């Protein structure tokens, strides 16, 4: 049971990391888009 709980916490943490990485990627894309708009 403790092992299962530990696994769930680890899984949640990794999922949170993936979501944060996706948000960072989206932010980079948005930054590039706005930079292009400003340049054009």
PDB file of N, CA and C in Angstrom:
ATOM      1  N   UNK A   1       0.834  -1.195   0.000  1.00  0.00           N
ATOM      2  CA  UNK A   1       0.000   0.000   0.000  1.00  0.00           C
ATOM      3  C   UNK A   1       0.880   1.260   0.000  1.00  0.00           C
ATOM      4  N   UNK A   2       1.884   1.273   0.838  1.00  0.00           N
ATOM      5  CA  UNK A   2       2.786   2.429   0.871  1.00  0.00           C
ATOM      6  C   UNK A   2       3.485   2.551  -0.489  1.00  0.00           C
ATOM      7  N   UNK A   3       3.871   1.407  -1.047  1.00  0.00           N
ATOM      8  CA  UNK A   3       4.537   1.414  -2.347  1.00  0.00           C
ATOM      9  C   UNK A   3       3.596   1.994  -3.400  1.00  0.00           C
ATOM     10  N   UNK A   4       2.335   1.574  -3.341  1.00  0.00           N
ATOM     11  CA  UNK A   4       1.352   2.064  -4.310  1.00  0.00           C
ATOM     12  C   UNK A   4       1.175   3.573  -4.180  1.00  0.00           C
ATOM     13  N   UNK A   5       1.088   4.041  -2.946  1.00  0.00           N
ATOM     14  CA  UNK A   5       0.917   5.482  -2.725  1.00  0.00           C
ATOM     15  C   UNK A   5       2.139   6.238  -3.249  1.00  0.00           C
ATOM     16  N   UNK A   6       3.329   5.698  -2.969  1.00  0.00           N
ATOM     17  CA  UNK A   6       4.553   6.339  -3.430  1.00  0.00           C
ATOM     18  C   UNK A   6       4.560   6.406  -4.960  1.00  0.00           C
ATOM     19  N   UNK A   7       4.112   5.330  -5.597  1.00  0.00           N
ATOM     20  CA  UNK A   7       4.072   5.303  -7.058  1.00  0.00           C
ATOM     21  C   UNK A   7       3.106   6.359  -7.579  1.00  0.00           C
ATOM     22  N   UNK A   8       1.966   6.489  -6.918  1.00  0.00           N
ATOM     23  CA  UNK A   8       0.977   7.491  -7.351  1.00  0.00           C
ATOM     24  C   UNK A   8       1.565   8.887  -7.245  1.00  0.00           C
ATOM     25  N   UNK A   9       2.258   9.172  -6.155  1.00  0.00           N
ATOM     26  CA  UNK A   9       2.858  10.500  -5.972  1.00  0.00           C
ATOM     27  C   UNK A   9       3.895  10.747  -7.057  1.00  0.00           C
ATOM     28  N   UNK A  10       4.722   9.740  -7.332  1.00  0.00           N
ATOM     29  CA  UNK A  10       5.748   9.889  -8.361  1.00  0.00           C
ATOM     30  C   UNK A  10       5.098  10.119  -9.718  1.00  0.00           C
ATOM     31  N   UNK A  11       4.037   9.371 -10.007  1.00  0.00           N
ATOM     32  CA  UNK A  11       3.344   9.508 -11.287  1.00  0.00           C
ATOM     33  C   UNK A  11       2.745  10.903 -11.410  1.00  0.00           C
ATOM     34  N   UNK A  12       2.124  11.375 -10.343  1.00  0.00           N
ATOM     35  CA  UNK A  12       1.525  12.714 -10.367  1.00  0.00           C
ATOM     36  C   UNK A  12       2.605  13.764 -10.591  1.00  0.00           C
ATOM     37  N   UNK A  13       3.753  13.598  -9.919  1.00  0.00           N
ATOM     38  CA  UNK A  13       4.842  14.563 -10.057  1.00  0.00           C
ATOM     39  C   UNK A  13       5.353  14.585 -11.494  1.00  0.00           C
ATOM     40  N   UNK A  14       5.520  13.397 -12.088  1.00  0.00           N
ATOM     41  CA  UNK A  14       6.014  13.336 -13.465  1.00  0.00           C
ATOM     42  C   UNK A  14       4.989  13.939 -14.415  1.00  0.00           C
ATOM     43  N   UNK A  15       3.714  13.694 -14.168  1.00  0.00           N
ATOM     44  CA  UNK A  15       2.674  14.272 -15.019  1.00  0.00           C
ATOM     45  C   UNK A  15       2.702  15.789 -14.904  1.00  0.00           C
ATOM     46  N   UNK A  16       2.875  16.290 -13.684  1.00  0.00           N
ATOM     47  CA  UNK A  16       2.946  17.732 -13.473  1.00  0.00           C
ATOM     48  C   UNK A  16       4.146  18.307 -14.220  1.00  0.00           C
ATOM     49  N   UNK A  17       5.276  17.603 -14.182  1.00  0.00           N
ATOM     50  CA  UNK A  17       6.467  18.061 -14.893  1.00  0.00           C
ATOM     51  C   UNK A  17       6.188  18.143 -16.388  1.00  0.00           C
ATOM     52  N   UNK A  18       5.514  17.109 -16.924  1.00  0.00           N
ATOM     53  CA  UNK A  18       5.205  17.102 -18.354  1.00  0.00           C
ATOM     54  C   UNK A  18       4.306  18.271 -18.716  1.00  0.00           C
ATOM     55  N   UNK A  19       3.316  18.546 -17.876  1.00  0.00           N
ATOM     56  CA  UNK A  19       2.409  19.669 -18.137  1.00  0.00           C
ATOM     57  C   UNK A  19       3.191  20.978 -18.111  1.00  0.00           C
ATOM     58  N   UNK A  20       4.093  21.125 -17.149  1.00  0.00           N
ATOM     59  CA  UNK A  20       4.893  22.346 -17.067  1.00  0.00           C
ATOM     60  C   UNK A  20       5.762  22.487 -18.311  1.00  0.00           C
ATOM     61  N   UNK A  21       6.350  21.373 -18.766  1.00  0.00           N
ATOM     62  CA  UNK A  21       7.172  21.421 -19.974  1.00  0.00           C
ATOM     63  C   UNK A  21       6.336  21.849 -21.170  1.00  0.00           C
ATOM     64  N   UNK A  22       5.110  21.315 -21.276  1.00  0.00           N
ATOM     65  CA  UNK A  22       4.227  21.699 -22.380  1.00  0.00           C
ATOM     66  C   UNK A  22       3.920  23.188 -22.308  1.00  0.00           C
ATOM     67  N   UNK A  23       3.661  23.701 -21.112  1.00  0.00           N
ATOM     68  CA  UNK A  23       3.364  25.128 -20.959  1.00  0.00           C
ATOM     69  C   UNK A  23       4.569  25.965 -21.374  1.00  0.00           C
ATOM     70  N   UNK A  24       5.760  25.521 -21.017  1.00  0.00           N
ATOM     71  CA  UNK A  24       6.977  26.253 -21.391  1.00  0.00           C
ATOM     72  C   UNK A  24       7.117  26.265 -22.911  1.00  0.00           C
ATOM     73  N   UNK A  25       6.852  25.112 -23.547  1.00  0.00           N
ATOM     74  CA  UNK A  25       6.930  25.041 -25.006  1.00  0.00           C
ATOM     75  C   UNK A  25       5.922  25.993 -25.632  1.00  0.00           C
ATOM     76  N   UNK A  26       4.703  26.006 -25.111  1.00  0.00           N
ATOM     77  CA  UNK A  26       3.671  26.905 -25.641  1.00  0.00           C
ATOM     78  C   UNK A  26       4.093  28.359 -25.447  1.00  0.00           C
ATOM     79  N   UNK A  27       4.668  28.671 -24.304  1.00  0.00           N
ATOM     80  CA  UNK A  27       5.116  30.039 -24.040  1.00  0.00           C
ATOM     81  C   UNK A  27       6.202  30.427 -25.038  1.00  0.00           C
ATOM     82  N   UNK A  28       7.126  29.512 -25.333  1.00  0.00           N
ATOM     83  CA  UNK A  28       8.182  29.797 -26.307  1.00  0.00           C
ATOM     84  C   UNK A  28       7.577  30.042 -27.681  1.00  0.00           C
ATOM     85  N   UNK A  29       6.609  29.209 -28.081  1.00  0.00           N
ATOM     86  CA  UNK A  29       5.962  29.392 -29.381  1.00  0.00           C
ATOM     87  C   UNK A  29       5.261  30.746 -29.426  1.00  0.00           C
ATOM     88  N   UNK A  30       4.555  31.080 -28.361  1.00  0.00           N
ATOM     89  CA  UNK A  30       3.838  32.356 -28.306  1.00  0.00           C
ATOM     90  C   UNK A  30       4.826  33.517 -28.392  1.00  0.00           C
ATOM     91  N   UNK A  31       5.953  33.382 -27.705  1.00  0.00           N
ATOM     92  CA  UNK A  31       6.963  34.441 -27.710  1.00  0.00           C
ATOM     93  C   UNK A  31       7.503  34.619 -29.130  1.00  0.00           C
ATOM     94  N   UNK A  32       7.755  33.502 -29.811  1.00  0.00           N
ATOM     95  CA  UNK A  32       8.264  33.564 -31.185  1.00  0.00           C
ATOM     96  C   UNK A  32       7.223  34.206 -32.093  1.00  0.00           C
ATOM     97  N   UNK A  33       5.942  33.828 -31.912  1.00  0.00           N
ATOM     98  CA  UNK A  33       4.876  34.397 -32.748  1.00  0.00           C
ATOM     99  C   UNK A  33       4.782  35.905 -32.539  1.00  0.00           C
ATOM    100  N   UNK A  34       4.806  36.356 -31.305  1.00  0.00           N
ATOM    101  CA  UNK A  34       4.695  37.793 -31.046  1.00  0.00           C
ATOM    102  C   UNK A  34       5.928  38.505 -31.587  1.00  0.00           C
ATOM    103  N   UNK A  35       7.091  37.890 -31.474  1.00  0.00           N
ATOM    104  CA  UNK A  35       8.313  38.506 -31.989  1.00  0.00           C
ATOM    105  C   UNK A  35       8.197  38.664 -33.508  1.00  0.00           C
ATOM    106  N   UNK A  36       7.665  37.645 -34.175  1.00  0.00           N
ATOM    107  CA  UNK A  36       7.490  37.725 -35.623  1.00  0.00           C
ATOM    108  C   UNK A  36       6.490  38.817 -35.978  1.00  0.00           C
ATOM    109  N   UNK A  37       5.414  38.907 -35.215  1.00  0.00           N
ATOM    110  CA  UNK A  37       4.405  39.937 -35.486  1.00  0.00           C
ATOM    111  C   UNK A  37       5.027  41.323 -35.326  1.00  0.00           C
ATOM    112  N   UNK A  38       5.812  41.492 -34.288  1.00  0.00           N
ATOM    113  CA  UNK A  38       6.438  42.798 -34.052  1.00  0.00           C
ATOM    114  C   UNK A  38       7.417  43.102 -35.179  1.00  0.00           C
ATOM    115  N   UNK A  39       8.166  42.089 -35.619  1.00  0.00           N
ATOM    116  CA  UNK A  39       9.136  42.294 -36.693  1.00  0.00           C
ATOM    117  C   UNK A  39       8.419  42.665 -37.981  1.00  0.00           C
ATOM    118  N   UNK A  40       7.324  41.954 -38.284  1.00  0.00           N
ATOM    119  CA  UNK A  40       6.571  42.233 -39.513  1.00  0.00           C
ATOM    120  C   UNK A  40       5.703  43.465 -39.274  1.00  0.00           C
TER     121      UNK A  40
END
